[in-house]
């Protein structure tokens, strides 16, 4: 009874194994169709080579995202849509060459310009365009938003010099600052020397892992046994995760002061931006960077700050506010020195939850108020005068 017969062995290879293979194939097909899991090694398989793009940071053309917004973010919709047009900007489709009757404006900046979680119908570009169009019915006003999360002065320069000047803008609005503060404090290389590729060194073990990770069943096993957790501050989900961002930052060690850094490189990049606009006969409006750190007002957002974390350390709000204030002053000084129009947005908007939902990002109230200030400045400066 305990012996395995030849027929048992034969049936194992001719019936049992084929049935297991068929079942695995069926399960794999169902998982791919019903509940596919992303490849945990995708970023290693498709590791980018050295980035030699002239514009390192940009949106693709005609992307569309719908976001679910946390319920306790002040003055924010529960669901929003973010799209880009035929050229990768927020706003209406862009016609090239520019029609003769069109007055074309581009917004340039980081996430405070981009407004990722503000719906298309309420974004900077939409509200400024509608307000200016109402005041100037004989012209066609078009406003495009080239802002992108994380972009700093090197990205603004690249976007302006390699793309925007060729799209013949009449006016550019630059809203810089906070991402340069983060980069300067983190020791970012503003001289842009090449960095080593992150591509994984290949051998037969790595090749085997990469091959097996093509299967849904194996991907689930990898995710259970060896999960890779992405920083909540860097990740962008289709559902916002600000509670996680704040919680992660509050667990970081608090430093007594910011590292020493020199803002002159930021000033030179901004001056280069001004120089390109002047040489191309493009009007420029500079904005100072808004923020909510170190606010003493009622309804401040001190419990919603997550950008006080830079790298693996947390820094005092008054230190961050002080250094960003210095950078804003440098913009004010540059504007005066080079005869560039400036709107000191930071001094005009109260640092409360009526206008912001975190360290620097506008909610619906902030977008409405800031676009009203910007539109009035543009109307007075470039149309009436």
Protein backbone atom coordinates (compact mmCIF):
# COMPACT_ATOMS: atom_id res chain seq x y z
CA UNK A 1 0.00 0.00 0.00
CA UNK A 2 2.80 2.46 0.80
CA UNK A 3 4.60 1.93 -2.48
CA UNK A 4 4.19 4.26 -5.46
CA UNK A 5 3.42 2.36 -8.60
CA UNK A 6 4.57 3.20 -12.12
CA UNK A 7 1.02 4.18 -13.01
CA UNK A 8 0.99 6.68 -10.12
CA UNK A 9 4.20 8.25 -11.37
CA UNK A 10 2.85 8.31 -14.91
CA UNK A 11 -0.43 9.94 -13.84
CA UNK A 12 1.49 12.54 -11.79
CA UNK A 13 3.39 13.68 -14.89
CA UNK A 14 0.57 13.26 -17.40
CA UNK A 15 -2.40 14.48 -15.33
CA UNK A 16 -1.43 16.22 -12.07
CA UNK A 17 1.33 18.51 -13.36
CA UNK A 18 -0.59 19.55 -16.51
CA UNK A 19 -3.66 20.30 -14.33
CA UNK A 20 -1.56 22.44 -11.96
CA UNK A 21 -0.06 24.31 -14.92
CA UNK A 22 -3.51 24.87 -16.45
CA UNK A 23 -4.88 26.12 -13.10
CA UNK A 24 -1.92 28.50 -12.66
CA UNK A 25 -2.41 29.85 -16.18
CA UNK A 26 -6.14 30.36 -15.55
CA UNK A 27 -5.47 32.10 -12.23
CA UNK A 28 -2.78 34.27 -13.85
CA UNK A 29 -5.13 35.32 -16.66
CA UNK A 30 -7.90 36.15 -14.16
CA UNK A 31 -5.52 38.22 -12.00
CA UNK A 32 -4.28 40.15 -15.04
CA UNK A 33 -7.86 40.89 -16.11
CA UNK A 34 -9.53 41.51 -12.74
CA UNK A 35 -6.90 42.76 -10.25
CA UNK A 36 -3.47 43.36 -11.80
CA UNK A 37 -0.60 44.31 -9.48
CA UNK A 38 2.22 46.58 -10.64
CA UNK A 39 5.64 45.08 -11.20
CA UNK A 40 7.63 45.68 -7.97
CA UNK A 41 10.88 45.76 -9.98
CA UNK A 42 9.66 48.03 -12.79
CA UNK A 43 11.82 50.97 -11.73
CA UNK A 44 14.89 48.74 -11.81
CA UNK A 45 14.06 47.04 -15.08
CA UNK A 46 13.39 50.33 -16.78
CA UNK A 47 15.96 52.43 -14.96
CA UNK A 48 16.47 55.67 -16.80
CA UNK A 49 19.93 56.36 -18.21
CA UNK A 50 21.64 59.63 -17.42
CA UNK A 51 19.01 62.30 -17.99
CA UNK A 52 20.14 64.32 -20.97
CA UNK A 53 16.78 65.95 -21.66
CA UNK A 54 16.94 69.70 -22.00
CA UNK A 55 13.69 69.96 -20.02
CA UNK A 56 14.07 67.46 -17.21
CA UNK A 57 10.69 68.05 -15.55
CA UNK A 58 7.50 68.30 -17.59
CA UNK A 59 4.02 66.86 -18.03
CA UNK A 60 3.14 64.68 -20.98
CA UNK A 61 0.57 65.90 -23.50
CA UNK A 62 -3.10 65.20 -22.81
CA UNK A 63 -2.81 63.51 -19.42
CA UNK A 64 -5.83 63.25 -17.15
CA UNK A 65 -6.05 62.48 -13.43
CA UNK A 66 -9.01 62.40 -11.07
CA UNK A 67 -8.14 62.82 -7.39
CA UNK A 68 -10.06 61.96 -4.26
CA UNK A 69 -9.38 64.66 -1.65
CA UNK A 70 -9.27 64.05 2.11
CA UNK A 71 -12.40 65.37 3.82
CA UNK A 72 -10.62 67.49 6.45
CA UNK A 73 -8.57 69.64 4.04
CA UNK A 74 -10.12 73.13 4.36
CA UNK A 75 -12.06 74.56 1.40
CA UNK A 76 -11.21 71.72 -0.96
CA UNK A 77 -13.54 69.72 -3.22
CA UNK A 78 -13.96 66.01 -2.47
CA UNK A 79 -13.02 65.09 -6.05
CA UNK A 80 -11.01 67.03 -8.64
CA UNK A 81 -9.81 66.57 -12.21
CA UNK A 82 -6.39 67.62 -13.51
CA UNK A 83 -5.65 67.56 -17.25
CA UNK A 84 -3.03 68.86 -19.66
CA UNK A 85 -3.58 70.06 -23.20
CA UNK A 86 -2.03 69.19 -26.56
CA UNK A 87 1.30 70.73 -25.45
CA UNK A 88 1.46 69.37 -21.89
CA UNK A 89 0.17 72.48 -20.07
CA UNK A 90 -2.96 73.10 -18.01
CA UNK A 91 -5.39 75.19 -20.02
CA UNK A 92 -7.14 75.27 -23.39
CA UNK A 93 -5.61 73.69 -26.49
CA UNK A 94 -2.69 75.74 -27.73
CA UNK A 95 -2.60 76.93 -31.33
CA UNK A 96 0.78 77.29 -33.02
CA UNK A 97 1.62 79.64 -34.62
CA UNK A 98 -0.18 82.03 -32.30
CA UNK A 99 -3.26 83.77 -33.82
CA UNK A 100 -2.72 87.49 -34.36
CA UNK A 101 -5.47 88.55 -31.94
CA UNK A 102 -4.36 86.27 -29.09
CA UNK A 103 -2.72 87.59 -25.92
CA UNK A 104 -0.79 84.60 -24.55
CA UNK A 105 0.25 84.16 -20.90
CA UNK A 106 2.26 81.37 -19.30
CA UNK A 107 2.47 80.63 -15.58
CA UNK A 108 5.79 79.11 -14.46
CA UNK A 109 6.56 77.67 -11.03
CA UNK A 110 6.30 74.61 -8.80
CA UNK A 111 3.36 73.00 -7.05
CA UNK A 112 1.99 76.33 -5.77
CA UNK A 113 1.56 77.30 -9.44
CA UNK A 114 0.48 73.86 -10.65
CA UNK A 115 -2.34 73.44 -8.06
CA UNK A 116 -2.52 69.69 -8.63
CA UNK A 117 -5.54 69.17 -6.36
CA UNK A 118 -7.55 72.15 -7.63
CA UNK A 119 -10.01 71.21 -10.37
CA UNK A 120 -9.43 72.32 -13.97
CA UNK A 121 -12.39 74.68 -13.87
CA UNK A 122 -10.92 76.53 -10.85
CA UNK A 123 -7.17 76.51 -11.59
CA UNK A 124 -4.94 79.59 -11.83
CA UNK A 125 -4.97 79.49 -15.61
CA UNK A 126 -8.75 79.20 -15.89
CA UNK A 127 -9.64 81.95 -13.41
CA UNK A 128 -7.02 84.44 -14.68
CA UNK A 129 -8.11 83.80 -18.28
CA UNK A 130 -11.80 84.29 -17.53
CA UNK A 131 -11.21 87.46 -15.49
CA UNK A 132 -8.98 89.05 -18.13
CA UNK A 133 -11.25 87.99 -21.00
CA UNK A 134 -14.20 89.68 -19.31
CA UNK A 135 -12.20 92.92 -19.08
CA UNK A 136 -10.84 92.72 -22.64
CA UNK A 137 -13.61 91.38 -24.92
CA UNK A 138 -11.93 92.55 -28.14
CA UNK A 139 -8.90 90.30 -27.56
CA UNK A 140 -8.57 86.53 -27.22
CA UNK A 141 -6.91 85.88 -23.85
CA UNK A 142 -5.24 82.51 -23.33
CA UNK A 143 -3.51 81.49 -20.10
CA UNK A 144 -1.45 78.31 -19.85
CA UNK A 145 -0.02 76.77 -16.71
CA UNK A 146 3.48 75.23 -17.00
CA UNK A 147 3.86 74.79 -13.22
CA UNK A 148 4.92 71.37 -11.93
CA UNK A 149 5.41 69.92 -8.46
CA UNK A 150 9.02 70.02 -7.32
CA UNK A 151 10.22 72.40 -10.04
CA UNK A 152 12.82 74.96 -8.96
CA UNK A 153 14.77 77.71 -10.72
CA UNK A 154 16.84 75.32 -12.92
CA UNK A 155 13.57 73.79 -14.20
CA UNK A 156 11.99 77.22 -14.72
CA UNK A 157 15.00 78.28 -16.80
CA UNK A 158 14.90 75.09 -18.88
CA UNK A 159 11.17 75.38 -19.55
CA UNK A 160 11.47 79.02 -20.54
CA UNK A 161 14.59 78.77 -22.68
CA UNK A 162 13.84 75.53 -24.50
CA UNK A 163 10.06 75.61 -24.93
CA UNK A 164 8.09 78.68 -23.90
CA UNK A 165 10.04 81.24 -25.94
CA UNK A 166 9.19 79.24 -29.07
CA UNK A 167 5.47 79.45 -28.26
CA UNK A 168 5.59 83.28 -28.47
CA UNK A 169 4.17 84.36 -25.10
CA UNK A 170 3.23 87.98 -24.49
CA UNK A 171 3.56 87.65 -20.72
CA UNK A 172 5.13 85.17 -18.31
CA UNK A 173 4.24 85.00 -14.63
CA UNK A 174 7.00 83.47 -12.47
CA UNK A 175 6.05 82.17 -9.01
CA UNK A 176 9.33 80.78 -7.60
CA UNK A 177 10.96 80.07 -4.26
CA UNK A 178 9.91 77.22 -2.04
CA UNK A 179 11.47 74.35 -4.00
CA UNK A 180 14.74 76.26 -4.26
CA UNK A 181 14.68 76.64 -0.48
CA UNK A 182 14.33 72.87 -0.13
CA UNK A 183 17.08 72.18 -2.66
CA UNK A 184 19.51 74.67 -1.15
CA UNK A 185 18.95 73.24 2.34
CA UNK A 186 19.41 69.69 1.03
CA UNK A 187 22.69 70.49 -0.78
CA UNK A 188 21.36 70.14 -4.34
CA UNK A 189 24.01 70.43 -7.08
CA UNK A 190 23.07 73.60 -8.98
CA UNK A 191 26.06 73.08 -11.29
CA UNK A 192 24.42 69.91 -12.64
CA UNK A 193 27.35 67.56 -12.89
CA UNK A 194 26.39 64.09 -14.22
CA UNK A 195 25.19 61.53 -11.72
CA UNK A 196 25.64 57.77 -11.89
CA UNK A 197 22.85 55.73 -13.38
CA UNK A 198 20.64 53.87 -10.89
CA UNK A 199 20.50 50.83 -13.17
CA UNK A 200 20.88 47.56 -11.25
CA UNK A 201 23.98 45.49 -12.05
CA UNK A 202 22.72 42.43 -13.89
CA UNK A 203 23.56 38.80 -13.15
CA UNK A 204 21.67 35.52 -13.48
CA UNK A 205 19.97 35.93 -10.08
CA UNK A 206 18.73 39.40 -10.94
CA UNK A 207 17.60 38.22 -14.39
CA UNK A 208 15.65 35.36 -12.77
CA UNK A 209 13.94 37.72 -10.33
CA UNK A 210 13.05 40.11 -13.12
CA UNK A 211 11.64 37.24 -15.22
CA UNK A 212 9.52 35.82 -12.39
CA UNK A 213 8.15 39.26 -11.54
CA UNK A 214 6.32 39.25 -14.88
CA UNK A 215 3.74 36.94 -13.25
CA UNK A 216 0.93 38.26 -11.08
CA UNK A 217 1.18 35.46 -8.52
CA UNK A 218 4.91 36.09 -8.03
CA UNK A 219 4.36 39.85 -7.77
CA UNK A 220 1.93 39.30 -4.90
CA UNK A 221 4.41 37.03 -3.17
CA UNK A 222 7.19 39.63 -3.56
CA UNK A 223 4.98 42.39 -2.17
CA UNK A 224 4.15 40.30 0.91
CA UNK A 225 7.71 39.10 1.58
CA UNK A 226 9.66 42.21 0.60
CA UNK A 227 7.47 45.33 0.42
CA UNK A 228 9.05 48.61 -0.68
CA UNK A 229 7.52 51.57 1.13
CA UNK A 230 7.70 54.91 -0.64
CA UNK A 231 8.05 58.11 1.35
CA UNK A 232 4.61 59.65 1.91
CA UNK A 233 6.11 63.07 1.16
CA UNK A 234 7.35 62.04 -2.30
CA UNK A 235 4.45 59.83 -3.36
CA UNK A 236 1.49 61.17 -5.30
CA UNK A 237 -1.62 59.02 -5.03
CA UNK A 238 -5.00 59.39 -6.68
CA UNK A 239 -6.27 59.83 -3.12
CA UNK A 240 -4.47 62.57 -1.18
CA UNK A 241 -2.34 61.48 1.77
CA UNK A 242 -1.62 64.64 3.75
CA UNK A 243 -2.24 62.97 7.13
CA UNK A 244 0.49 60.47 6.26
CA UNK A 245 2.84 63.26 5.15
CA UNK A 246 2.38 65.17 8.42
CA UNK A 247 2.73 62.00 10.52
CA UNK A 248 5.93 61.00 8.71
CA UNK A 249 7.50 64.44 9.15
CA UNK A 250 6.58 64.71 12.83
CA UNK A 251 8.55 61.50 13.49
CA UNK A 252 11.76 63.08 12.13
CA UNK A 253 14.37 64.54 14.52
CA UNK A 254 13.98 68.31 14.98
CA UNK A 255 17.08 70.36 14.23
CA UNK A 256 17.67 73.70 15.94
CA UNK A 257 18.49 75.53 12.70
CA UNK A 258 18.75 75.13 8.94
CA UNK A 259 22.08 74.23 7.31
CA UNK A 260 24.06 77.21 6.05
CA UNK A 261 23.52 77.93 2.36
CA UNK A 262 24.04 80.77 -0.10
CA UNK A 263 20.95 82.04 -1.96
CA UNK A 264 23.02 83.90 -4.58
CA UNK A 265 22.79 80.96 -7.00
CA UNK A 266 18.98 81.24 -6.79
CA UNK A 267 19.27 84.97 -7.44
CA UNK A 268 21.47 84.37 -10.50
CA UNK A 269 19.03 81.81 -11.92
CA UNK A 270 16.18 84.28 -11.46
CA UNK A 271 18.23 87.02 -13.08
CA UNK A 272 18.92 84.68 -16.02
CA UNK A 273 15.16 84.11 -16.30
CA UNK A 274 14.65 87.88 -16.38
CA UNK A 275 17.40 88.23 -18.99
CA UNK A 276 15.82 85.67 -21.35
CA UNK A 277 12.45 87.43 -21.12
CA UNK A 278 14.02 90.82 -21.82
CA UNK A 279 16.04 89.52 -24.78
CA UNK A 280 12.92 87.89 -26.27
CA UNK A 281 10.71 90.96 -25.65
CA UNK A 282 8.44 89.01 -23.30
CA UNK A 283 6.79 90.88 -20.43
CA UNK A 284 7.45 89.35 -17.00
CA UNK A 285 5.50 89.52 -13.75
CA UNK A 286 7.31 88.20 -10.67
CA UNK A 287 5.40 86.88 -7.63
CA UNK A 288 6.79 86.41 -4.14
CA UNK A 289 6.37 82.93 -2.66
CA UNK A 290 3.49 82.49 -0.22
CA UNK A 291 3.79 80.26 2.86
CA UNK A 292 2.05 79.63 6.19
CA UNK A 293 5.01 78.88 8.47
CA UNK A 294 5.34 80.70 11.79
CA UNK A 295 1.87 82.24 11.49
CA UNK A 296 0.44 83.83 14.64
CA UNK A 297 -3.02 84.28 13.16
CA UNK A 298 -6.13 82.44 14.24
CA UNK A 299 -6.98 79.40 12.11
CA UNK A 300 -3.32 78.92 11.17
CA UNK A 301 -2.09 75.64 9.73
CA UNK A 302 0.70 74.69 12.15
CA UNK A 303 -0.81 71.19 12.54
CA UNK A 304 -0.85 70.65 8.77
CA UNK A 305 2.79 71.35 7.95
CA UNK A 306 4.77 68.60 6.26
CA UNK A 307 7.24 70.61 4.18
CA UNK A 308 9.19 71.41 7.36
CA UNK A 309 10.80 68.04 6.71
CA UNK A 310 13.78 68.15 4.34
CA UNK A 311 15.51 64.84 3.76
CA UNK A 312 15.64 62.93 7.04
CA UNK A 313 15.42 66.00 9.31
CA UNK A 314 12.76 68.42 10.49
CA UNK A 315 13.41 72.16 10.83
CA UNK A 316 11.81 74.97 12.90
CA UNK A 317 9.07 76.94 11.17
CA UNK A 318 10.57 80.30 12.10
CA UNK A 319 13.88 79.31 10.48
CA UNK A 320 12.17 78.24 7.26
CA UNK A 321 9.98 81.36 7.22
CA UNK A 322 13.04 83.55 7.77
CA UNK A 323 15.10 82.04 4.95
CA UNK A 324 12.20 82.01 2.49
CA UNK A 325 11.56 85.62 3.47
CA UNK A 326 15.17 86.40 2.48
CA UNK A 327 14.62 84.72 -0.87
CA UNK A 328 11.43 86.73 -1.41
CA UNK A 329 13.32 89.92 -0.60
CA UNK A 330 15.96 88.99 -3.16
CA UNK A 331 13.18 88.75 -5.80
CA UNK A 332 11.84 92.16 -4.74
CA UNK A 333 15.34 93.63 -5.03
CA UNK A 334 15.94 92.04 -8.44
CA UNK A 335 12.62 93.38 -9.73
CA UNK A 336 13.55 96.89 -8.65
CA UNK A 337 17.09 96.62 -10.04
CA UNK A 338 16.01 95.25 -13.45
CA UNK A 339 12.76 97.26 -13.77
CA UNK A 340 10.56 94.16 -13.73
CA UNK A 341 6.96 94.23 -12.54
CA UNK A 342 6.36 92.46 -9.23
CA UNK A 343 3.34 91.49 -7.13
CA UNK A 344 4.24 90.85 -3.49
CA UNK A 345 1.67 88.10 -3.10
CA UNK A 346 3.20 86.82 0.15
CA UNK A 347 2.48 90.06 1.98
CA UNK A 348 -1.12 90.24 0.79
CA UNK A 349 -2.59 86.82 1.63
CA UNK A 350 -3.29 85.92 5.29
CA UNK A 351 -1.64 82.69 6.47
CA UNK A 352 -4.86 80.93 7.47
CA UNK A 353 -7.01 77.99 6.42
CA UNK A 354 -9.29 80.39 4.56
CA UNK A 355 -6.63 80.51 1.83
CA UNK A 356 -4.29 77.51 2.33
CA UNK A 357 -4.53 73.84 3.24
CA UNK A 358 -0.89 73.20 4.22
CA UNK A 359 2.57 74.86 4.23
CA UNK A 360 2.11 76.82 0.99
CA UNK A 361 -0.60 75.35 -1.24
CA UNK A 362 -3.76 77.34 -1.94
CA UNK A 363 -7.23 75.95 -1.35
CA UNK A 364 -10.19 77.26 -3.37
CA UNK A 365 -10.28 80.45 -1.32
CA UNK A 366 -6.58 81.09 -1.89
CA UNK A 367 -6.76 80.43 -5.62
CA UNK A 368 -9.74 82.77 -6.00
CA UNK A 369 -8.10 85.56 -3.99
CA UNK A 370 -4.64 85.25 -5.56
CA UNK A 371 -5.99 85.09 -9.13
CA UNK A 372 -8.05 88.19 -8.40
CA UNK A 373 -4.89 90.03 -7.28
CA UNK A 374 -2.89 88.73 -10.25
CA UNK A 375 -5.60 89.55 -12.79
CA UNK A 376 -6.02 93.09 -11.48
CA UNK A 377 -2.25 93.63 -11.63
CA UNK A 378 -2.09 92.36 -15.22
CA UNK A 379 -5.08 94.46 -16.28
CA UNK A 380 -3.68 97.61 -14.72
CA UNK A 381 -0.09 97.08 -15.88
CA UNK A 382 -0.34 95.53 -19.34
CA UNK A 383 -3.74 96.57 -20.67
CA UNK A 384 -4.79 99.90 -19.14
CA UNK A 385 -1.29 101.37 -18.96
